[in-house]
Amino acid sequence: GAQNFARLRLGIGEVTAANNADYV
């Protein structure tokens, strides 16, 4: 119920598959 937590995102590269699910 909140978004005030820290987050660290790691770049995995831009989507190269037909859809996001296949890529990730």
PDBML (XML) file of the C-alpha atoms, coordinates in Angstrom:
<?xml version="1.0" encoding="UTF-8" ?>
<PDBx:datablock datablockName="MODEL"
   xmlns:PDBx="http://pdbml.pdb.org/schema/pdbx-v50.xsd"
   xmlns:xsi="http://www.w3.org/2001/XMLSchema-instance"
   xsi:schemaLocation="http://pdbml.pdb.org/schema/pdbx-v50.xsd pdbx-v50.xsd">
   <PDBx:atom_siteCategory>
      <PDBx:atom_site id="1">
         <PDBx:B_iso_or_equiv>0.00</PDBx:B_iso_or_equiv>
         <PDBx:Cartn_x>0.000</PDBx:Cartn_x>
         <PDBx:Cartn_y>0.000</PDBx:Cartn_y>
         <PDBx:Cartn_z>0.000</PDBx:Cartn_z>
         <PDBx:auth_asym_id>A</PDBx:auth_asym_id>
         <PDBx:auth_atom_id>CA</PDBx:auth_atom_id>
         <PDBx:auth_comp_id>GLY</PDBx:auth_comp_id>
         <PDBx:auth_seq_id>1</PDBx:auth_seq_id>
         <PDBx:group_PDB>ATOM</PDBx:group_PDB>
         <PDBx:label_alt_id xsi:nil="true" />
         <PDBx:label_asym_id>A</PDBx:label_asym_id>
         <PDBx:label_atom_id>CA</PDBx:label_atom_id>
         <PDBx:label_comp_id>GLY</PDBx:label_comp_id>
         <PDBx:label_entity_id>1</PDBx:label_entity_id>
         <PDBx:label_seq_id>1</PDBx:label_seq_id>
         <PDBx:occupancy>1.00</PDBx:occupancy>
         <PDBx:pdbx_PDB_model_num>1</PDBx:pdbx_PDB_model_num>
         <PDBx:type_symbol>C</PDBx:type_symbol>
      </PDBx:atom_site>
      <PDBx:atom_site id="2">
         <PDBx:B_iso_or_equiv>0.00</PDBx:B_iso_or_equiv>
         <PDBx:Cartn_x>2.987</PDBx:Cartn_x>
         <PDBx:Cartn_y>2.293</PDBx:Cartn_y>
         <PDBx:Cartn_z>-0.479</PDBx:Cartn_z>
         <PDBx:auth_asym_id>A</PDBx:auth_asym_id>
         <PDBx:auth_atom_id>CA</PDBx:auth_atom_id>
         <PDBx:auth_comp_id>ALA</PDBx:auth_comp_id>
         <PDBx:auth_seq_id>2</PDBx:auth_seq_id>
         <PDBx:group_PDB>ATOM</PDBx:group_PDB>
         <PDBx:label_alt_id xsi:nil="true" />
         <PDBx:label_asym_id>A</PDBx:label_asym_id>
         <PDBx:label_atom_id>CA</PDBx:label_atom_id>
         <PDBx:label_comp_id>ALA</PDBx:label_comp_id>
         <PDBx:label_entity_id>1</PDBx:label_entity_id>
         <PDBx:label_seq_id>2</PDBx:label_seq_id>
         <PDBx:occupancy>1.00</PDBx:occupancy>
         <PDBx:pdbx_PDB_model_num>1</PDBx:pdbx_PDB_model_num>
         <PDBx:type_symbol>C</PDBx:type_symbol>
      </PDBx:atom_site>
      <PDBx:atom_site id="3">
         <PDBx:B_iso_or_equiv>0.00</PDBx:B_iso_or_equiv>
         <PDBx:Cartn_x>5.918</PDBx:Cartn_x>
         <PDBx:Cartn_y>2.920</PDBx:Cartn_y>
         <PDBx:Cartn_z>-2.785</PDBx:Cartn_z>
         <PDBx:auth_asym_id>A</PDBx:auth_asym_id>
         <PDBx:auth_atom_id>CA</PDBx:auth_atom_id>
         <PDBx:auth_comp_id>GLN</PDBx:auth_comp_id>
         <PDBx:auth_seq_id>3</PDBx:auth_seq_id>
         <PDBx:group_PDB>ATOM</PDBx:group_PDB>
         <PDBx:label_alt_id xsi:nil="true" />
         <PDBx:label_asym_id>A</PDBx:label_asym_id>
         <PDBx:label_atom_id>CA</PDBx:label_atom_id>
         <PDBx:label_comp_id>GLN</PDBx:label_comp_id>
         <PDBx:label_entity_id>1</PDBx:label_entity_id>
         <PDBx:label_seq_id>3</PDBx:label_seq_id>
         <PDBx:occupancy>1.00</PDBx:occupancy>
         <PDBx:pdbx_PDB_model_num>1</PDBx:pdbx_PDB_model_num>
         <PDBx:type_symbol>C</PDBx:type_symbol>
      </PDBx:atom_site>
      <PDBx:atom_site id="4">
         <PDBx:B_iso_or_equiv>0.00</PDBx:B_iso_or_equiv>
         <PDBx:Cartn_x>8.343</PDBx:Cartn_x>
         <PDBx:Cartn_y>4.646</PDBx:Cartn_y>
         <PDBx:Cartn_z>-0.407</PDBx:Cartn_z>
         <PDBx:auth_asym_id>A</PDBx:auth_asym_id>
         <PDBx:auth_atom_id>CA</PDBx:auth_atom_id>
         <PDBx:auth_comp_id>ASN</PDBx:auth_comp_id>
         <PDBx:auth_seq_id>4</PDBx:auth_seq_id>
         <PDBx:group_PDB>ATOM</PDBx:group_PDB>
         <PDBx:label_alt_id xsi:nil="true" />
         <PDBx:label_asym_id>A</PDBx:label_asym_id>
         <PDBx:label_atom_id>CA</PDBx:label_atom_id>
         <PDBx:label_comp_id>ASN</PDBx:label_comp_id>
         <PDBx:label_entity_id>1</PDBx:label_entity_id>
         <PDBx:label_seq_id>4</PDBx:label_seq_id>
         <PDBx:occupancy>1.00</PDBx:occupancy>
         <PDBx:pdbx_PDB_model_num>1</PDBx:pdbx_PDB_model_num>
         <PDBx:type_symbol>C</PDBx:type_symbol>
      </PDBx:atom_site>
      <PDBx:atom_site id="5">
         <PDBx:B_iso_or_equiv>0.00</PDBx:B_iso_or_equiv>
         <PDBx:Cartn_x>10.855</PDBx:Cartn_x>
         <PDBx:Cartn_y>1.790</PDBx:Cartn_y>
         <PDBx:Cartn_z>-0.359</PDBx:Cartn_z>
         <PDBx:auth_asym_id>A</PDBx:auth_asym_id>
         <PDBx:auth_atom_id>CA</PDBx:auth_atom_id>
         <PDBx:auth_comp_id>PHE</PDBx:auth_comp_id>
         <PDBx:auth_seq_id>5</PDBx:auth_seq_id>
         <PDBx:group_PDB>ATOM</PDBx:group_PDB>
         <PDBx:label_alt_id xsi:nil="true" />
         <PDBx:label_asym_id>A</PDBx:label_asym_id>
         <PDBx:label_atom_id>CA</PDBx:label_atom_id>
         <PDBx:label_comp_id>PHE</PDBx:label_comp_id>
         <PDBx:label_entity_id>1</PDBx:label_entity_id>
         <PDBx:label_seq_id>5</PDBx:label_seq_id>
         <PDBx:occupancy>1.00</PDBx:occupancy>
         <PDBx:pdbx_PDB_model_num>1</PDBx:pdbx_PDB_model_num>
         <PDBx:type_symbol>C</PDBx:type_symbol>
      </PDBx:atom_site>
      <PDBx:atom_site id="6">
         <PDBx:B_iso_or_equiv>0.00</PDBx:B_iso_or_equiv>
         <PDBx:Cartn_x>14.279</PDBx:Cartn_x>
         <PDBx:Cartn_y>1.865</PDBx:Cartn_y>
         <PDBx:Cartn_z>-1.994</PDBx:Cartn_z>
         <PDBx:auth_asym_id>A</PDBx:auth_asym_id>
         <PDBx:auth_atom_id>CA</PDBx:auth_atom_id>
         <PDBx:auth_comp_id>ALA</PDBx:auth_comp_id>
         <PDBx:auth_seq_id>6</PDBx:auth_seq_id>
         <PDBx:group_PDB>ATOM</PDBx:group_PDB>
         <PDBx:label_alt_id xsi:nil="true" />
         <PDBx:label_asym_id>A</PDBx:label_asym_id>
         <PDBx:label_atom_id>CA</PDBx:label_atom_id>
         <PDBx:label_comp_id>ALA</PDBx:label_comp_id>
         <PDBx:label_entity_id>1</PDBx:label_entity_id>
         <PDBx:label_seq_id>6</PDBx:label_seq_id>
         <PDBx:occupancy>1.00</PDBx:occupancy>
         <PDBx:pdbx_PDB_model_num>1</PDBx:pdbx_PDB_model_num>
         <PDBx:type_symbol>C</PDBx:type_symbol>
      </PDBx:atom_site>
      <PDBx:atom_site id="7">
         <PDBx:B_iso_or_equiv>0.00</PDBx:B_iso_or_equiv>
         <PDBx:Cartn_x>14.767</PDBx:Cartn_x>
         <PDBx:Cartn_y>-0.066</PDBx:Cartn_y>
         <PDBx:Cartn_z>-5.176</PDBx:Cartn_z>
         <PDBx:auth_asym_id>A</PDBx:auth_asym_id>
         <PDBx:auth_atom_id>CA</PDBx:auth_atom_id>
         <PDBx:auth_comp_id>ARG</PDBx:auth_comp_id>
         <PDBx:auth_seq_id>7</PDBx:auth_seq_id>
         <PDBx:group_PDB>ATOM</PDBx:group_PDB>
         <PDBx:label_alt_id xsi:nil="true" />
         <PDBx:label_asym_id>A</PDBx:label_asym_id>
         <PDBx:label_atom_id>CA</PDBx:label_atom_id>
         <PDBx:label_comp_id>ARG</PDBx:label_comp_id>
         <PDBx:label_entity_id>1</PDBx:label_entity_id>
         <PDBx:label_seq_id>7</PDBx:label_seq_id>
         <PDBx:occupancy>1.00</PDBx:occupancy>
         <PDBx:pdbx_PDB_model_num>1</PDBx:pdbx_PDB_model_num>
         <PDBx:type_symbol>C</PDBx:type_symbol>
      </PDBx:atom_site>
      <PDBx:atom_site id="8">
         <PDBx:B_iso_or_equiv>0.00</PDBx:B_iso_or_equiv>
         <PDBx:Cartn_x>17.841</PDBx:Cartn_x>
         <PDBx:Cartn_y>-1.003</PDBx:Cartn_y>
         <PDBx:Cartn_z>-7.190</PDBx:Cartn_z>
         <PDBx:auth_asym_id>A</PDBx:auth_asym_id>
         <PDBx:auth_atom_id>CA</PDBx:auth_atom_id>
         <PDBx:auth_comp_id>LEU</PDBx:auth_comp_id>
         <PDBx:auth_seq_id>8</PDBx:auth_seq_id>
         <PDBx:group_PDB>ATOM</PDBx:group_PDB>
         <PDBx:label_alt_id xsi:nil="true" />
         <PDBx:label_asym_id>A</PDBx:label_asym_id>
         <PDBx:label_atom_id>CA</PDBx:label_atom_id>
         <PDBx:label_comp_id>LEU</PDBx:label_comp_id>
         <PDBx:label_entity_id>1</PDBx:label_entity_id>
         <PDBx:label_seq_id>8</PDBx:label_seq_id>
         <PDBx:occupancy>1.00</PDBx:occupancy>
         <PDBx:pdbx_PDB_model_num>1</PDBx:pdbx_PDB_model_num>
         <PDBx:type_symbol>C</PDBx:type_symbol>
      </PDBx:atom_site>
      <PDBx:atom_site id="9">
         <PDBx:B_iso_or_equiv>0.00</PDBx:B_iso_or_equiv>
         <PDBx:Cartn_x>17.163</PDBx:Cartn_x>
         <PDBx:Cartn_y>-1.828</PDBx:Cartn_y>
         <PDBx:Cartn_z>-10.821</PDBx:Cartn_z>
         <PDBx:auth_asym_id>A</PDBx:auth_asym_id>
         <PDBx:auth_atom_id>CA</PDBx:auth_atom_id>
         <PDBx:auth_comp_id>ARG</PDBx:auth_comp_id>
         <PDBx:auth_seq_id>9</PDBx:auth_seq_id>
         <PDBx:group_PDB>ATOM</PDBx:group_PDB>
         <PDBx:label_alt_id xsi:nil="true" />
         <PDBx:label_asym_id>A</PDBx:label_asym_id>
         <PDBx:label_atom_id>CA</PDBx:label_atom_id>
         <PDBx:label_comp_id>ARG</PDBx:label_comp_id>
         <PDBx:label_entity_id>1</PDBx:label_entity_id>
         <PDBx:label_seq_id>9</PDBx:label_seq_id>
         <PDBx:occupancy>1.00</PDBx:occupancy>
         <PDBx:pdbx_PDB_model_num>1</PDBx:pdbx_PDB_model_num>
         <PDBx:type_symbol>C</PDBx:type_symbol>
      </PDBx:atom_site>
      <PDBx:atom_site id="10">
         <PDBx:B_iso_or_equiv>0.00</PDBx:B_iso_or_equiv>
         <PDBx:Cartn_x>19.632</PDBx:Cartn_x>
         <PDBx:Cartn_y>-3.687</PDBx:Cartn_y>
         <PDBx:Cartn_z>-12.995</PDBx:Cartn_z>
         <PDBx:auth_asym_id>A</PDBx:auth_asym_id>
         <PDBx:auth_atom_id>CA</PDBx:auth_atom_id>
         <PDBx:auth_comp_id>LEU</PDBx:auth_comp_id>
         <PDBx:auth_seq_id>10</PDBx:auth_seq_id>
         <PDBx:group_PDB>ATOM</PDBx:group_PDB>
         <PDBx:label_alt_id xsi:nil="true" />
         <PDBx:label_asym_id>A</PDBx:label_asym_id>
         <PDBx:label_atom_id>CA</PDBx:label_atom_id>
         <PDBx:label_comp_id>LEU</PDBx:label_comp_id>
         <PDBx:label_entity_id>1</PDBx:label_entity_id>
         <PDBx:label_seq_id>10</PDBx:label_seq_id>
         <PDBx:occupancy>1.00</PDBx:occupancy>
         <PDBx:pdbx_PDB_model_num>1</PDBx:pdbx_PDB_model_num>
         <PDBx:type_symbol>C</PDBx:type_symbol>
      </PDBx:atom_site>
      <PDBx:atom_site id="11">
         <PDBx:B_iso_or_equiv>0.00</PDBx:B_iso_or_equiv>
         <PDBx:Cartn_x>19.602</PDBx:Cartn_x>
         <PDBx:Cartn_y>-3.083</PDBx:Cartn_y>
         <PDBx:Cartn_z>-16.719</PDBx:Cartn_z>
         <PDBx:auth_asym_id>A</PDBx:auth_asym_id>
         <PDBx:auth_atom_id>CA</PDBx:auth_atom_id>
         <PDBx:auth_comp_id>GLY</PDBx:auth_comp_id>
         <PDBx:auth_seq_id>11</PDBx:auth_seq_id>
         <PDBx:group_PDB>ATOM</PDBx:group_PDB>
         <PDBx:label_alt_id xsi:nil="true" />
         <PDBx:label_asym_id>A</PDBx:label_asym_id>
         <PDBx:label_atom_id>CA</PDBx:label_atom_id>
         <PDBx:label_comp_id>GLY</PDBx:label_comp_id>
         <PDBx:label_entity_id>1</PDBx:label_entity_id>
         <PDBx:label_seq_id>11</PDBx:label_seq_id>
         <PDBx:occupancy>1.00</PDBx:occupancy>
         <PDBx:pdbx_PDB_model_num>1</PDBx:pdbx_PDB_model_num>
         <PDBx:type_symbol>C</PDBx:type_symbol>
      </PDBx:atom_site>
      <PDBx:atom_site id="12">
         <PDBx:B_iso_or_equiv>0.00</PDBx:B_iso_or_equiv>
         <PDBx:Cartn_x>19.103</PDBx:Cartn_x>
         <PDBx:Cartn_y>-6.282</PDBx:Cartn_y>
         <PDBx:Cartn_z>-18.681</PDBx:Cartn_z>
         <PDBx:auth_asym_id>A</PDBx:auth_asym_id>
         <PDBx:auth_atom_id>CA</PDBx:auth_atom_id>
         <PDBx:auth_comp_id>ILE</PDBx:auth_comp_id>
         <PDBx:auth_seq_id>12</PDBx:auth_seq_id>
         <PDBx:group_PDB>ATOM</PDBx:group_PDB>
         <PDBx:label_alt_id xsi:nil="true" />
         <PDBx:label_asym_id>A</PDBx:label_asym_id>
         <PDBx:label_atom_id>CA</PDBx:label_atom_id>
         <PDBx:label_comp_id>ILE</PDBx:label_comp_id>
         <PDBx:label_entity_id>1</PDBx:label_entity_id>
         <PDBx:label_seq_id>12</PDBx:label_seq_id>
         <PDBx:occupancy>1.00</PDBx:occupancy>
         <PDBx:pdbx_PDB_model_num>1</PDBx:pdbx_PDB_model_num>
         <PDBx:type_symbol>C</PDBx:type_symbol>
      </PDBx:atom_site>
      <PDBx:atom_site id="13">
         <PDBx:B_iso_or_equiv>0.00</PDBx:B_iso_or_equiv>
         <PDBx:Cartn_x>19.034</PDBx:Cartn_x>
         <PDBx:Cartn_y>-4.587</PDBx:Cartn_y>
         <PDBx:Cartn_z>-22.075</PDBx:Cartn_z>
         <PDBx:auth_asym_id>A</PDBx:auth_asym_id>
         <PDBx:auth_atom_id>CA</PDBx:auth_atom_id>
         <PDBx:auth_comp_id>GLY</PDBx:auth_comp_id>
         <PDBx:auth_seq_id>13</PDBx:auth_seq_id>
         <PDBx:group_PDB>ATOM</PDBx:group_PDB>
         <PDBx:label_alt_id xsi:nil="true" />
         <PDBx:label_asym_id>A</PDBx:label_asym_id>
         <PDBx:label_atom_id>CA</PDBx:label_atom_id>
         <PDBx:label_comp_id>GLY</PDBx:label_comp_id>
         <PDBx:label_entity_id>1</PDBx:label_entity_id>
         <PDBx:label_seq_id>13</PDBx:label_seq_id>
         <PDBx:occupancy>1.00</PDBx:occupancy>
         <PDBx:pdbx_PDB_model_num>1</PDBx:pdbx_PDB_model_num>
         <PDBx:type_symbol>C</PDBx:type_symbol>
      </PDBx:atom_site>
      <PDBx:atom_site id="14">
         <PDBx:B_iso_or_equiv>0.00</PDBx:B_iso_or_equiv>
         <PDBx:Cartn_x>16.205</PDBx:Cartn_x>
         <PDBx:Cartn_y>-3.483</PDBx:Cartn_y>
         <PDBx:Cartn_z>-24.280</PDBx:Cartn_z>
         <PDBx:auth_asym_id>A</PDBx:auth_asym_id>
         <PDBx:auth_atom_id>CA</PDBx:auth_atom_id>
         <PDBx:auth_comp_id>GLU</PDBx:auth_comp_id>
         <PDBx:auth_seq_id>14</PDBx:auth_seq_id>
         <PDBx:group_PDB>ATOM</PDBx:group_PDB>
         <PDBx:label_alt_id xsi:nil="true" />
         <PDBx:label_asym_id>A</PDBx:label_asym_id>
         <PDBx:label_atom_id>CA</PDBx:label_atom_id>
         <PDBx:label_comp_id>GLU</PDBx:label_comp_id>
         <PDBx:label_entity_id>1</PDBx:label_entity_id>
         <PDBx:label_seq_id>14</PDBx:label_seq_id>
         <PDBx:occupancy>1.00</PDBx:occupancy>
         <PDBx:pdbx_PDB_model_num>1</PDBx:pdbx_PDB_model_num>
         <PDBx:type_symbol>C</PDBx:type_symbol>
      </PDBx:atom_site>
      <PDBx:atom_site id="15">
         <PDBx:B_iso_or_equiv>0.00</PDBx:B_iso_or_equiv>
         <PDBx:Cartn_x>13.600</PDBx:Cartn_x>
         <PDBx:Cartn_y>-6.013</PDBx:Cartn_y>
         <PDBx:Cartn_z>-25.373</PDBx:Cartn_z>
         <PDBx:auth_asym_id>A</PDBx:auth_asym_id>
         <PDBx:auth_atom_id>CA</PDBx:auth_atom_id>
         <PDBx:auth_comp_id>VAL</PDBx:auth_comp_id>
         <PDBx:auth_seq_id>15</PDBx:auth_seq_id>
         <PDBx:group_PDB>ATOM</PDBx:group_PDB>
         <PDBx:label_alt_id xsi:nil="true" />
         <PDBx:label_asym_id>A</PDBx:label_asym_id>
         <PDBx:label_atom_id>CA</PDBx:label_atom_id>
         <PDBx:label_comp_id>VAL</PDBx:label_comp_id>
         <PDBx:label_entity_id>1</PDBx:label_entity_id>
         <PDBx:label_seq_id>15</PDBx:label_seq_id>
         <PDBx:occupancy>1.00</PDBx:occupancy>
         <PDBx:pdbx_PDB_model_num>1</PDBx:pdbx_PDB_model_num>
         <PDBx:type_symbol>C</PDBx:type_symbol>
      </PDBx:atom_site>
      <PDBx:atom_site id="16">
         <PDBx:B_iso_or_equiv>0.00</PDBx:B_iso_or_equiv>
         <PDBx:Cartn_x>14.694</PDBx:Cartn_x>
         <PDBx:Cartn_y>-7.937</PDBx:Cartn_y>
         <PDBx:Cartn_z>-28.455</PDBx:Cartn_z>
         <PDBx:auth_asym_id>A</PDBx:auth_asym_id>
         <PDBx:auth_atom_id>CA</PDBx:auth_atom_id>
         <PDBx:auth_comp_id>THR</PDBx:auth_comp_id>
         <PDBx:auth_seq_id>16</PDBx:auth_seq_id>
         <PDBx:group_PDB>ATOM</PDBx:group_PDB>
         <PDBx:label_alt_id xsi:nil="true" />
         <PDBx:label_asym_id>A</PDBx:label_asym_id>
         <PDBx:label_atom_id>CA</PDBx:label_atom_id>
         <PDBx:label_comp_id>THR</PDBx:label_comp_id>
         <PDBx:label_entity_id>1</PDBx:label_entity_id>
         <PDBx:label_seq_id>16</PDBx:label_seq_id>
         <PDBx:occupancy>1.00</PDBx:occupancy>
         <PDBx:pdbx_PDB_model_num>1</PDBx:pdbx_PDB_model_num>
         <PDBx:type_symbol>C</PDBx:type_symbol>
      </PDBx:atom_site>
      <PDBx:atom_site id="17">
         <PDBx:B_iso_or_equiv>0.00</PDBx:B_iso_or_equiv>
         <PDBx:Cartn_x>11.900</PDBx:Cartn_x>
         <PDBx:Cartn_y>-10.561</PDBx:Cartn_y>
         <PDBx:Cartn_z>-28.466</PDBx:Cartn_z>
         <PDBx:auth_asym_id>A</PDBx:auth_asym_id>
         <PDBx:auth_atom_id>CA</PDBx:auth_atom_id>
         <PDBx:auth_comp_id>ALA</PDBx:auth_comp_id>
         <PDBx:auth_seq_id>17</PDBx:auth_seq_id>
         <PDBx:group_PDB>ATOM</PDBx:group_PDB>
         <PDBx:label_alt_id xsi:nil="true" />
         <PDBx:label_asym_id>A</PDBx:label_asym_id>
         <PDBx:label_atom_id>CA</PDBx:label_atom_id>
         <PDBx:label_comp_id>ALA</PDBx:label_comp_id>
         <PDBx:label_entity_id>1</PDBx:label_entity_id>
         <PDBx:label_seq_id>17</PDBx:label_seq_id>
         <PDBx:occupancy>1.00</PDBx:occupancy>
         <PDBx:pdbx_PDB_model_num>1</PDBx:pdbx_PDB_model_num>
         <PDBx:type_symbol>C</PDBx:type_symbol>
      </PDBx:atom_site>
      <PDBx:atom_site id="18">
         <PDBx:B_iso_or_equiv>0.00</PDBx:B_iso_or_equiv>
         <PDBx:Cartn_x>8.385</PDBx:Cartn_x>
         <PDBx:Cartn_y>-10.290</PDBx:Cartn_y>
         <PDBx:Cartn_z>-29.883</PDBx:Cartn_z>
         <PDBx:auth_asym_id>A</PDBx:auth_asym_id>
         <PDBx:auth_atom_id>CA</PDBx:auth_atom_id>
         <PDBx:auth_comp_id>ALA</PDBx:auth_comp_id>
         <PDBx:auth_seq_id>18</PDBx:auth_seq_id>
         <PDBx:group_PDB>ATOM</PDBx:group_PDB>
         <PDBx:label_alt_id xsi:nil="true" />
         <PDBx:label_asym_id>A</PDBx:label_asym_id>
         <PDBx:label_atom_id>CA</PDBx:label_atom_id>
         <PDBx:label_comp_id>ALA</PDBx:label_comp_id>
         <PDBx:label_entity_id>1</PDBx:label_entity_id>
         <PDBx:label_seq_id>18</PDBx:label_seq_id>
         <PDBx:occupancy>1.00</PDBx:occupancy>
         <PDBx:pdbx_PDB_model_num>1</PDBx:pdbx_PDB_model_num>
         <PDBx:type_symbol>C</PDBx:type_symbol>
      </PDBx:atom_site>
      <PDBx:atom_site id="19">
         <PDBx:B_iso_or_equiv>0.00</PDBx:B_iso_or_equiv>
         <PDBx:Cartn_x>7.058</PDBx:Cartn_x>
         <PDBx:Cartn_y>-9.747</PDBx:Cartn_y>
         <PDBx:Cartn_z>-26.364</PDBx:Cartn_z>
         <PDBx:auth_asym_id>A</PDBx:auth_asym_id>
         <PDBx:auth_atom_id>CA</PDBx:auth_atom_id>
         <PDBx:auth_comp_id>ASN</PDBx:auth_comp_id>
         <PDBx:auth_seq_id>19</PDBx:auth_seq_id>
         <PDBx:group_PDB>ATOM</PDBx:group_PDB>
         <PDBx:label_alt_id xsi:nil="true" />
         <PDBx:label_asym_id>A</PDBx:label_asym_id>
         <PDBx:label_atom_id>CA</PDBx:label_atom_id>
         <PDBx:label_comp_id>ASN</PDBx:label_comp_id>
         <PDBx:label_entity_id>1</PDBx:label_entity_id>
         <PDBx:label_seq_id>19</PDBx:label_seq_id>
         <PDBx:occupancy>1.00</PDBx:occupancy>
         <PDBx:pdbx_PDB_model_num>1</PDBx:pdbx_PDB_model_num>
         <PDBx:type_symbol>C</PDBx:type_symbol>
      </PDBx:atom_site>
      <PDBx:atom_site id="20">
         <PDBx:B_iso_or_equiv>0.00</PDBx:B_iso_or_equiv>
         <PDBx:Cartn_x>8.463</PDBx:Cartn_x>
         <PDBx:Cartn_y>-8.686</PDBx:Cartn_y>
         <PDBx:Cartn_z>-23.013</PDBx:Cartn_z>
         <PDBx:auth_asym_id>A</PDBx:auth_asym_id>
         <PDBx:auth_atom_id>CA</PDBx:auth_atom_id>
         <PDBx:auth_comp_id>ASN</PDBx:auth_comp_id>
         <PDBx:auth_seq_id>20</PDBx:auth_seq_id>
         <PDBx:group_PDB>ATOM</PDBx:group_PDB>
         <PDBx:label_alt_id xsi:nil="true" />
         <PDBx:label_asym_id>A</PDBx:label_asym_id>
         <PDBx:label_atom_id>CA</PDBx:label_atom_id>
         <PDBx:label_comp_id>ASN</PDBx:label_comp_id>
         <PDBx:label_entity_id>1</PDBx:label_entity_id>
         <PDBx:label_seq_id>20</PDBx:label_seq_id>
         <PDBx:occupancy>1.00</PDBx:occupancy>
         <PDBx:pdbx_PDB_model_num>1</PDBx:pdbx_PDB_model_num>
         <PDBx:type_symbol>C</PDBx:type_symbol>
      </PDBx:atom_site>
      <PDBx:atom_site id="21">
         <PDBx:B_iso_or_equiv>0.00</PDBx:B_iso_or_equiv>
         <PDBx:Cartn_x>7.792</PDBx:Cartn_x>
         <PDBx:Cartn_y>-12.021</PDBx:Cartn_y>
         <PDBx:Cartn_z>-21.269</PDBx:Cartn_z>
         <PDBx:auth_asym_id>A</PDBx:auth_asym_id>
         <PDBx:auth_atom_id>CA</PDBx:auth_atom_id>
         <PDBx:auth_comp_id>ALA</PDBx:auth_comp_id>
         <PDBx:auth_seq_id>21</PDBx:auth_seq_id>
         <PDBx:group_PDB>ATOM</PDBx:group_PDB>
         <PDBx:label_alt_id xsi:nil="true" />
         <PDBx:label_asym_id>A</PDBx:label_asym_id>
         <PDBx:label_atom_id>CA</PDBx:label_atom_id>
         <PDBx:label_comp_id>ALA</PDBx:label_comp_id>
         <PDBx:label_entity_id>1</PDBx:label_entity_id>
         <PDBx:label_seq_id>21</PDBx:label_seq_id>
         <PDBx:occupancy>1.00</PDBx:occupancy>
         <PDBx:pdbx_PDB_model_num>1</PDBx:pdbx_PDB_model_num>
         <PDBx:type_symbol>C</PDBx:type_symbol>
      </PDBx:atom_site>
      <PDBx:atom_site id="22">
         <PDBx:B_iso_or_equiv>0.00</PDBx:B_iso_or_equiv>
         <PDBx:Cartn_x>9.870</PDBx:Cartn_x>
         <PDBx:Cartn_y>-13.987</PDBx:Cartn_y>
         <PDBx:Cartn_z>-23.795</PDBx:Cartn_z>
         <PDBx:auth_asym_id>A</PDBx:auth_asym_id>
         <PDBx:auth_atom_id>CA</PDBx:auth_atom_id>
         <PDBx:auth_comp_id>ASP</PDBx:auth_comp_id>
         <PDBx:auth_seq_id>22</PDBx:auth_seq_id>
         <PDBx:group_PDB>ATOM</PDBx:group_PDB>
         <PDBx:label_alt_id xsi:nil="true" />
         <PDBx:label_asym_id>A</PDBx:label_asym_id>
         <PDBx:label_atom_id>CA</PDBx:label_atom_id>
         <PDBx:label_comp_id>ASP</PDBx:label_comp_id>
         <PDBx:label_entity_id>1</PDBx:label_entity_id>
         <PDBx:label_seq_id>22</PDBx:label_seq_id>
         <PDBx:occupancy>1.00</PDBx:occupancy>
         <PDBx:pdbx_PDB_model_num>1</PDBx:pdbx_PDB_model_num>
         <PDBx:type_symbol>C</PDBx:type_symbol>
      </PDBx:atom_site>
      <PDBx:atom_site id="23">
         <PDBx:B_iso_or_equiv>0.00</PDBx:B_iso_or_equiv>
         <PDBx:Cartn_x>12.736</PDBx:Cartn_x>
         <PDBx:Cartn_y>-11.552</PDBx:Cartn_y>
         <PDBx:Cartn_z>-23.401</PDBx:Cartn_z>
         <PDBx:auth_asym_id>A</PDBx:auth_asym_id>
         <PDBx:auth_atom_id>CA</PDBx:auth_atom_id>
         <PDBx:auth_comp_id>TYR</PDBx:auth_comp_id>
         <PDBx:auth_seq_id>23</PDBx:auth_seq_id>
         <PDBx:group_PDB>ATOM</PDBx:group_PDB>
         <PDBx:label_alt_id xsi:nil="true" />
         <PDBx:label_asym_id>A</PDBx:label_asym_id>
         <PDBx:label_atom_id>CA</PDBx:label_atom_id>
         <PDBx:label_comp_id>TYR</PDBx:label_comp_id>
         <PDBx:label_entity_id>1</PDBx:label_entity_id>
         <PDBx:label_seq_id>23</PDBx:label_seq_id>
         <PDBx:occupancy>1.00</PDBx:occupancy>
         <PDBx:pdbx_PDB_model_num>1</PDBx:pdbx_PDB_model_num>
         <PDBx:type_symbol>C</PDBx:type_symbol>
      </PDBx:atom_site>
      <PDBx:atom_site id="24">
         <PDBx:B_iso_or_equiv>0.00</PDBx:B_iso_or_equiv>
         <PDBx:Cartn_x>12.864</PDBx:Cartn_x>
         <PDBx:Cartn_y>-11.381</PDBx:Cartn_y>
         <PDBx:Cartn_z>-19.591</PDBx:Cartn_z>
         <PDBx:auth_asym_id>A</PDBx:auth_asym_id>
         <PDBx:auth_atom_id>CA</PDBx:auth_atom_id>
         <PDBx:auth_comp_id>VAL</PDBx:auth_comp_id>
         <PDBx:auth_seq_id>24</PDBx:auth_seq_id>
         <PDBx:group_PDB>ATOM</PDBx:group_PDB>
         <PDBx:label_alt_id xsi:nil="true" />
         <PDBx:label_asym_id>A</PDBx:label_asym_id>
         <PDBx:label_atom_id>CA</PDBx:label_atom_id>
         <PDBx:label_comp_id>VAL</PDBx:label_comp_id>
         <PDBx:label_entity_id>1</PDBx:label_entity_id>
         <PDBx:label_seq_id>24</PDBx:label_seq_id>
         <PDBx:occupancy>1.00</PDBx:occupancy>
         <PDBx:pdbx_PDB_model_num>1</PDBx:pdbx_PDB_model_num>
         <PDBx:type_symbol>C</PDBx:type_symbol>
      </PDBx:atom_site>
   </PDBx:atom_siteCategory>
</PDBx:datablock>
